[in-house]
Amino acid sequence: MKVDKKYIWDYDIKTLDLKNPLVLRWYLARKVNFGDYKSLDSSVLKKNLSKLDIDPTLKMMISKYYVNKRTKTSTS
């Protein structure tokens, strides 16, 4: 996943190690909280969603989105 500095203005993104699970979850939570879903890898987001420190309602909404998306894909 490519690091996008648009919403990470207060950190030096050159030093972000997205292979570190804690850094990755922080980065994903930051992107989700700012509503920047376009550059996120959906498989990485789904895998880490339960561990993200984000609003529980937002977490539930994202989870339901992926469940509905999977249901629509399987019935098509």
PDB file of N, CA and C in Angstrom:
ATOM      1  N   MET A   1       0.841  -1.162   0.000  1.00  0.00           N
ATOM      2  CA  MET A   1       0.000   0.000   0.000  1.00  0.00           C
ATOM      3  C   MET A   1       0.896   1.238   0.000  1.00  0.00           C
ATOM      4  N   LYS A   2       0.587   2.171  -0.853  1.00  0.00           N
ATOM      5  CA  LYS A   2       1.373   3.389  -0.964  1.00  0.00           C
ATOM      6  C   LYS A   2       0.972   4.366   0.140  1.00  0.00           C
ATOM      7  N   VAL A   3       1.959   4.951   0.785  1.00  0.00           N
ATOM      8  CA  VAL A   3       1.701   5.932   1.839  1.00  0.00           C
ATOM      9  C   VAL A   3       1.329   7.257   1.194  1.00  0.00           C
ATOM     10  N   ASP A   4       0.235   7.835   1.656  1.00  0.00           N
ATOM     11  CA  ASP A   4      -0.269   9.102   1.131  1.00  0.00           C
ATOM     12  C   ASP A   4      -0.080  10.173   2.198  1.00  0.00           C
ATOM     13  N   LYS A   5       0.677  11.214   1.892  1.00  0.00           N
ATOM     14  CA  LYS A   5       0.972  12.230   2.897  1.00  0.00           C
ATOM     15  C   LYS A   5      -0.133  13.267   3.058  1.00  0.00           C
ATOM     16  N   LYS A   6      -1.202  13.159   2.303  1.00  0.00           N
ATOM     17  CA  LYS A   6      -2.277  14.151   2.372  1.00  0.00           C
ATOM     18  C   LYS A   6      -2.853  14.270   3.784  1.00  0.00           C
ATOM     19  N   TYR A   7      -3.030  13.160   4.462  1.00  0.00           N
ATOM     20  CA  TYR A   7      -3.623  13.177   5.796  1.00  0.00           C
ATOM     21  C   TYR A   7      -2.616  12.882   6.899  1.00  0.00           C
ATOM     22  N   ILE A   8      -1.364  12.760   6.531  1.00  0.00           N
ATOM     23  CA  ILE A   8      -0.313  12.479   7.505  1.00  0.00           C
ATOM     24  C   ILE A   8       0.686  13.639   7.449  1.00  0.00           C
ATOM     25  N   TRP A   9       0.214  14.832   7.690  1.00  0.00           N
ATOM     26  CA  TRP A   9       1.041  16.013   7.567  1.00  0.00           C
ATOM     27  C   TRP A   9       1.977  16.204   8.765  1.00  0.00           C
ATOM     28  N   ASP A  10       1.654  15.616   9.893  1.00  0.00           N
ATOM     29  CA  ASP A  10       2.402  15.869  11.114  1.00  0.00           C
ATOM     30  C   ASP A  10       3.469  14.811  11.413  1.00  0.00           C
ATOM     31  N   TYR A  11       3.726  13.930  10.467  1.00  0.00           N
ATOM     32  CA  TYR A  11       4.749  12.889  10.628  1.00  0.00           C
ATOM     33  C   TYR A  11       5.598  12.817   9.367  1.00  0.00           C
ATOM     34  N   ASP A  12       6.826  12.404   9.540  1.00  0.00           N
ATOM     35  CA  ASP A  12       7.709  12.184   8.399  1.00  0.00           C
ATOM     36  C   ASP A  12       7.356  10.822   7.803  1.00  0.00           C
ATOM     37  N   ILE A  13       6.648  10.826   6.683  1.00  0.00           N
ATOM     38  CA  ILE A  13       6.159   9.563   6.117  1.00  0.00           C
ATOM     39  C   ILE A  13       7.278   8.708   5.537  1.00  0.00           C
ATOM     40  N   LYS A  14       8.428   9.288   5.332  1.00  0.00           N
ATOM     41  CA  LYS A  14       9.552   8.503   4.808  1.00  0.00           C
ATOM     42  C   LYS A  14       9.998   7.442   5.805  1.00  0.00           C
ATOM     43  N   THR A  15       9.698   7.660   7.075  1.00  0.00           N
ATOM     44  CA  THR A  15      10.130   6.721   8.105  1.00  0.00           C
ATOM     45  C   THR A  15       9.023   5.758   8.529  1.00  0.00           C
ATOM     46  N   LEU A  16       7.833   5.859   7.933  1.00  0.00           N
ATOM     47  CA  LEU A  16       6.739   4.955   8.299  1.00  0.00           C
ATOM     48  C   LEU A  16       7.035   3.541   7.815  1.00  0.00           C
ATOM     49  N   ASP A  17       6.979   2.605   8.719  1.00  0.00           N
ATOM     50  CA  ASP A  17       7.204   1.202   8.384  1.00  0.00           C
ATOM     51  C   ASP A  17       5.861   0.480   8.435  1.00  0.00           C
ATOM     52  N   LEU A  18       5.182   0.392   7.301  1.00  0.00           N
ATOM     53  CA  LEU A  18       3.858  -0.227   7.263  1.00  0.00           C
ATOM     54  C   LEU A  18       3.918  -1.743   7.423  1.00  0.00           C
ATOM     55  N   LYS A  19       5.110  -2.300   7.496  1.00  0.00           N
ATOM     56  CA  LYS A  19       5.242  -3.735   7.780  1.00  0.00           C
ATOM     57  C   LYS A  19       5.082  -4.005   9.278  1.00  0.00           C
ATOM     58  N   ASN A  20       5.253  -2.966  10.068  1.00  0.00           N
ATOM     59  CA  ASN A  20       5.030  -3.060  11.507  1.00  0.00           C
ATOM     60  C   ASN A  20       3.512  -2.992  11.742  1.00  0.00           C
ATOM     61  N   PRO A  21       2.907  -4.027  12.327  1.00  0.00           N
ATOM     62  CA  PRO A  21       1.448  -4.060  12.489  1.00  0.00           C
ATOM     63  C   PRO A  21       0.875  -2.871  13.257  1.00  0.00           C
ATOM     64  N   LEU A  22       1.589  -2.378  14.261  1.00  0.00           N
ATOM     65  CA  LEU A  22       1.088  -1.225  15.022  1.00  0.00           C
ATOM     66  C   LEU A  22       1.070   0.043  14.179  1.00  0.00           C
ATOM     67  N   VAL A  23       2.106   0.246  13.395  1.00  0.00           N
ATOM     68  CA  VAL A  23       2.175   1.412  12.512  1.00  0.00           C
ATOM     69  C   VAL A  23       1.104   1.304  11.432  1.00  0.00           C
ATOM     70  N   LEU A  24       0.937   0.121  10.881  1.00  0.00           N
ATOM     71  CA  LEU A  24      -0.076  -0.089   9.847  1.00  0.00           C
ATOM     72  C   LEU A  24      -1.472   0.217  10.383  1.00  0.00           C
ATOM     73  N   ARG A  25      -1.786  -0.268  11.574  1.00  0.00           N
ATOM     74  CA  ARG A  25      -3.112  -0.015  12.157  1.00  0.00           C
ATOM     75  C   ARG A  25      -3.316   1.463  12.456  1.00  0.00           C
ATOM     76  N   TRP A  26      -2.266   2.124  12.928  1.00  0.00           N
ATOM     77  CA  TRP A  26      -2.354   3.565  13.165  1.00  0.00           C
ATOM     78  C   TRP A  26      -2.648   4.292  11.854  1.00  0.00           C
ATOM     79  N   TYR A  27      -1.926   3.921  10.805  1.00  0.00           N
ATOM     80  CA  TYR A  27      -2.090   4.550   9.497  1.00  0.00           C
ATOM     81  C   TYR A  27      -3.496   4.307   8.946  1.00  0.00           C
ATOM     82  N   LEU A  28      -3.974   3.077   9.039  1.00  0.00           N
ATOM     83  CA  LEU A  28      -5.319   2.760   8.558  1.00  0.00           C
ATOM     84  C   LEU A  28      -6.377   3.542   9.330  1.00  0.00           C
ATOM     85  N   ALA A  29      -6.236   3.601  10.641  1.00  0.00           N
ATOM     86  CA  ALA A  29      -7.199   4.346  11.461  1.00  0.00           C
ATOM     87  C   ALA A  29      -7.195   5.820  11.084  1.00  0.00           C
ATOM     88  N   ARG A  30      -6.043   6.354  10.848  1.00  0.00           N
ATOM     89  CA  ARG A  30      -5.927   7.770  10.467  1.00  0.00           C
ATOM     90  C   ARG A  30      -6.633   8.020   9.135  1.00  0.00           C
ATOM     91  N   LYS A  31      -6.397   7.154   8.167  1.00  0.00           N
ATOM     92  CA  LYS A  31      -7.028   7.305   6.853  1.00  0.00           C
ATOM     93  C   LYS A  31      -8.545   7.164   6.963  1.00  0.00           C
ATOM     94  N   VAL A  32      -9.005   6.182   7.721  1.00  0.00           N
ATOM     95  CA  VAL A  32     -10.445   5.958   7.883  1.00  0.00           C
ATOM     96  C   VAL A  32     -11.088   7.149   8.591  1.00  0.00           C
ATOM     97  N   ASN A  33     -10.462   7.639   9.644  1.00  0.00           N
ATOM     98  CA  ASN A  33     -11.020   8.770  10.387  1.00  0.00           C
ATOM     99  C   ASN A  33     -11.131  10.031   9.542  1.00  0.00           C
ATOM    100  N   PHE A  34     -10.249  10.190   8.565  1.00  0.00           N
ATOM    101  CA  PHE A  34     -10.317  11.335   7.674  1.00  0.00           C
ATOM    102  C   PHE A  34     -11.159  11.050   6.431  1.00  0.00           C
ATOM    103  N   GLY A  35     -11.690   9.844   6.327  1.00  0.00           N
ATOM    104  CA  GLY A  35     -12.576   9.505   5.215  1.00  0.00           C
ATOM    105  C   GLY A  35     -11.862   9.266   3.903  1.00  0.00           C
ATOM    106  N   ASP A  36     -10.597   8.943   3.947  1.00  0.00           N
ATOM    107  CA  ASP A  36      -9.819   8.708   2.730  1.00  0.00           C
ATOM    108  C   ASP A  36      -9.739   7.209   2.450  1.00  0.00           C
ATOM    109  N   TYR A  37     -10.738   6.696   1.747  1.00  0.00           N
ATOM    110  CA  TYR A  37     -10.818   5.259   1.470  1.00  0.00           C
ATOM    111  C   TYR A  37     -10.239   4.888   0.106  1.00  0.00           C
ATOM    112  N   LYS A  38     -10.105   5.867  -0.781  1.00  0.00           N
ATOM    113  CA  LYS A  38      -9.711   5.573  -2.161  1.00  0.00           C
ATOM    114  C   LYS A  38      -8.355   4.885  -2.274  1.00  0.00           C
ATOM    115  N   SER A  39      -7.403   5.315  -1.478  1.00  0.00           N
ATOM    116  CA  SER A  39      -6.055   4.753  -1.620  1.00  0.00           C
ATOM    117  C   SER A  39      -5.803   3.567  -0.697  1.00  0.00           C
ATOM    118  N   LEU A  40      -6.832   3.142   0.041  1.00  0.00           N
ATOM    119  CA  LEU A  40      -6.659   2.003   0.945  1.00  0.00           C
ATOM    120  C   LEU A  40      -6.814   0.684   0.208  1.00  0.00           C
ATOM    121  N   ASP A  41      -6.040  -0.270   0.613  1.00  0.00           N
ATOM    122  CA  ASP A  41      -6.157  -1.633   0.103  1.00  0.00           C
ATOM    123  C   ASP A  41      -7.265  -2.301   0.910  1.00  0.00           C
ATOM    124  N   SER A  42      -8.378  -2.633   0.265  1.00  0.00           N
ATOM    125  CA  SER A  42      -9.541  -3.156   0.990  1.00  0.00           C
ATOM    126  C   SER A  42      -9.236  -4.458   1.723  1.00  0.00           C
ATOM    127  N   SER A  43      -8.373  -5.287   1.175  1.00  0.00           N
ATOM    128  CA  SER A  43      -8.051  -6.540   1.866  1.00  0.00           C
ATOM    129  C   SER A  43      -7.271  -6.275   3.156  1.00  0.00           C
ATOM    130  N   VAL A  44      -6.401  -5.281   3.142  1.00  0.00           N
ATOM    131  CA  VAL A  44      -5.646  -4.918   4.342  1.00  0.00           C
ATOM    132  C   VAL A  44      -6.588  -4.297   5.375  1.00  0.00           C
ATOM    133  N   LEU A  45      -7.502  -3.460   4.914  1.00  0.00           N
ATOM    134  CA  LEU A  45      -8.467  -2.846   5.824  1.00  0.00           C
ATOM    135  C   LEU A  45      -9.354  -3.902   6.470  1.00  0.00           C
ATOM    136  N   LYS A  46      -9.878  -4.823   5.679  1.00  0.00           N
ATOM    137  CA  LYS A  46     -10.737  -5.880   6.226  1.00  0.00           C
ATOM    138  C   LYS A  46      -9.983  -6.728   7.245  1.00  0.00           C
ATOM    139  N   LYS A  47      -8.748  -7.049   6.943  1.00  0.00           N
ATOM    140  CA  LYS A  47      -7.943  -7.895   7.828  1.00  0.00           C
ATOM    141  C   LYS A  47      -7.686  -7.220   9.180  1.00  0.00           C
ATOM    142  N   ASN A  48      -7.542  -5.909   9.185  1.00  0.00           N
ATOM    143  CA  ASN A  48      -7.171  -5.181  10.397  1.00  0.00           C
ATOM    144  C   ASN A  48      -8.320  -4.423  11.049  1.00  0.00           C
ATOM    145  N   LEU A  49      -9.490  -4.455  10.460  1.00  0.00           N
ATOM    146  CA  LEU A  49     -10.606  -3.635  10.928  1.00  0.00           C
ATOM    147  C   LEU A  49     -10.931  -3.857  12.400  1.00  0.00           C
ATOM    148  N   SER A  50     -10.976  -5.079  12.838  1.00  0.00           N
ATOM    149  CA  SER A  50     -11.353  -5.358  14.230  1.00  0.00           C
ATOM    150  C   SER A  50     -10.343  -4.799  15.232  1.00  0.00           C
ATOM    151  N   LYS A  51      -9.124  -4.551  14.784  1.00  0.00           N
ATOM    152  CA  LYS A  51      -8.064  -4.080  15.680  1.00  0.00           C
ATOM    153  C   LYS A  51      -7.847  -2.572  15.609  1.00  0.00           C
ATOM    154  N   LEU A  52      -8.585  -1.882  14.734  1.00  0.00           N
ATOM    155  CA  LEU A  52      -8.388  -0.442  14.584  1.00  0.00           C
ATOM    156  C   LEU A  52      -9.015   0.322  15.738  1.00  0.00           C
ATOM    157  N   ASP A  53      -8.343   1.385  16.137  1.00  0.00           N
ATOM    158  CA  ASP A  53      -8.845   2.261  17.193  1.00  0.00           C
ATOM    159  C   ASP A  53      -9.653   3.379  16.527  1.00  0.00           C
ATOM    160  N   ILE A  54     -10.887   3.034  16.145  1.00  0.00           N
ATOM    161  CA  ILE A  54     -11.787   3.996  15.508  1.00  0.00           C
ATOM    162  C   ILE A  54     -13.146   3.904  16.188  1.00  0.00           C
ATOM    163  N   ASP A  55     -14.007   4.853  15.881  1.00  0.00           N
ATOM    164  CA  ASP A  55     -15.350   4.879  16.446  1.00  0.00           C
ATOM    165  C   ASP A  55     -16.057   3.552  16.160  1.00  0.00           C
ATOM    166  N   PRO A  56     -16.665   2.935  17.170  1.00  0.00           N
ATOM    167  CA  PRO A  56     -17.326   1.639  16.979  1.00  0.00           C
ATOM    168  C   PRO A  56     -18.429   1.669  15.918  1.00  0.00           C
ATOM    169  N   THR A  57     -19.130   2.788  15.815  1.00  0.00           N
ATOM    170  CA  THR A  57     -20.181   2.899  14.799  1.00  0.00           C
ATOM    171  C   THR A  57     -19.579   2.900  13.402  1.00  0.00           C
ATOM    172  N   LEU A  58     -18.488   3.603  13.236  1.00  0.00           N
ATOM    173  CA  LEU A  58     -17.791   3.630  11.949  1.00  0.00           C
ATOM    174  C   LEU A  58     -17.258   2.246  11.603  1.00  0.00           C
ATOM    175  N   LYS A  59     -16.722   1.562  12.598  1.00  0.00           N
ATOM    176  CA  LYS A  59     -16.211   0.207  12.395  1.00  0.00           C
ATOM    177  C   LYS A  59     -17.337  -0.727  11.943  1.00  0.00           C
ATOM    178  N   MET A  60     -18.504  -0.597  12.569  1.00  0.00           N
ATOM    179  CA  MET A  60     -19.650  -1.430  12.213  1.00  0.00           C
ATOM    180  C   MET A  60     -20.125  -1.110  10.789  1.00  0.00           C
ATOM    181  N   MET A  61     -20.145   0.176  10.438  1.00  0.00           N
ATOM    182  CA  MET A  61     -20.570   0.582   9.102  1.00  0.00           C
ATOM    183  C   MET A  61     -19.638  -0.002   8.032  1.00  0.00           C
ATOM    184  N   ILE A  62     -18.343   0.076   8.255  1.00  0.00           N
ATOM    185  CA  ILE A  62     -17.372  -0.465   7.297  1.00  0.00           C
ATOM    186  C   ILE A  62     -17.520  -1.976   7.193  1.00  0.00           C
ATOM    187  N   SER A  63     -17.697  -2.627   8.318  1.00  0.00           N
ATOM    188  CA  SER A  63     -17.876  -4.078   8.335  1.00  0.00           C
ATOM    189  C   SER A  63     -19.116  -4.481   7.544  1.00  0.00           C
ATOM    190  N   LYS A  64     -20.218  -3.777   7.758  1.00  0.00           N
ATOM    191  CA  LYS A  64     -21.459  -4.081   7.028  1.00  0.00           C
ATOM    192  C   LYS A  64     -21.297  -3.815   5.538  1.00  0.00           C
ATOM    193  N   TYR A  65     -20.532  -2.795   5.180  1.00  0.00           N
ATOM    194  CA  TYR A  65     -20.283  -2.501   3.773  1.00  0.00           C
ATOM    195  C   TYR A  65     -19.620  -3.698   3.096  1.00  0.00           C
ATOM    196  N   TYR A  66     -18.606  -4.270   3.744  1.00  0.00           N
ATOM    197  CA  TYR A  66     -17.913  -5.403   3.148  1.00  0.00           C
ATOM    198  C   TYR A  66     -18.779  -6.652   3.114  1.00  0.00           C
ATOM    199  N   VAL A  67     -19.624  -6.847   4.119  1.00  0.00           N
ATOM    200  CA  VAL A  67     -20.543  -7.991   4.117  1.00  0.00           C
ATOM    201  C   VAL A  67     -21.535  -7.842   2.969  1.00  0.00           C
ATOM    202  N   ASN A  68     -22.117  -6.651   2.813  1.00  0.00           N
ATOM    203  CA  ASN A  68     -23.072  -6.411   1.726  1.00  0.00           C
ATOM    204  C   ASN A  68     -22.411  -6.520   0.363  1.00  0.00           C
ATOM    205  N   LYS A  69     -21.205  -6.030   0.246  1.00  0.00           N
ATOM    206  CA  LYS A  69     -20.476  -6.111  -1.018  1.00  0.00           C
ATOM    207  C   LYS A  69     -20.224  -7.570  -1.397  1.00  0.00           C
ATOM    208  N   ARG A  70     -19.844  -8.381  -0.414  1.00  0.00           N
ATOM    209  CA  ARG A  70     -19.595  -9.802  -0.657  1.00  0.00           C
ATOM    210  C   ARG A  70     -20.895 -10.505  -1.041  1.00  0.00           C
ATOM    211  N   THR A  71     -22.005 -10.163  -0.382  1.00  0.00           N
ATOM    212  CA  THR A  71     -23.299 -10.773  -0.673  1.00  0.00           C
ATOM    213  C   THR A  71     -23.748 -10.427  -2.089  1.00  0.00           C
ATOM    214  N   LYS A  72     -23.598  -9.172  -2.487  1.00  0.00           N
ATOM    215  CA  LYS A  72     -23.992  -8.754  -3.837  1.00  0.00           C
ATOM    216  C   LYS A  72     -23.142  -9.449  -4.890  1.00  0.00           C
ATOM    217  N   THR A  73     -21.860  -9.612  -4.614  1.00  0.00           N
ATOM    218  CA  THR A  73     -20.959 -10.262  -5.559  1.00  0.00           C
ATOM    219  C   THR A  73     -21.310 -11.736  -5.720  1.00  0.00           C
ATOM    220  N   SER A  74     -21.652 -12.391  -4.632  1.00  0.00           N
ATOM    221  CA  SER A  74     -21.940 -13.827  -4.700  1.00  0.00           C
ATOM    222  C   SER A  74     -23.306 -14.123  -5.322  1.00  0.00           C
ATOM    223  N   THR A  75     -24.226 -13.147  -5.305  1.00  0.00           N
ATOM    224  CA  THR A  75     -25.548 -13.371  -5.892  1.00  0.00           C
ATOM    225  C   THR A  75     -25.628 -12.909  -7.333  1.00  0.00           C
ATOM    226  N   SER A  76     -24.612 -12.228  -7.805  1.00  0.00           N
ATOM    227  CA  SER A  76     -24.635 -11.714  -9.187  1.00  0.00           C
ATOM    228  C   SER A  76     -24.384 -12.792 -10.203  1.00  0.00           C
TER     229      SER A  76
END
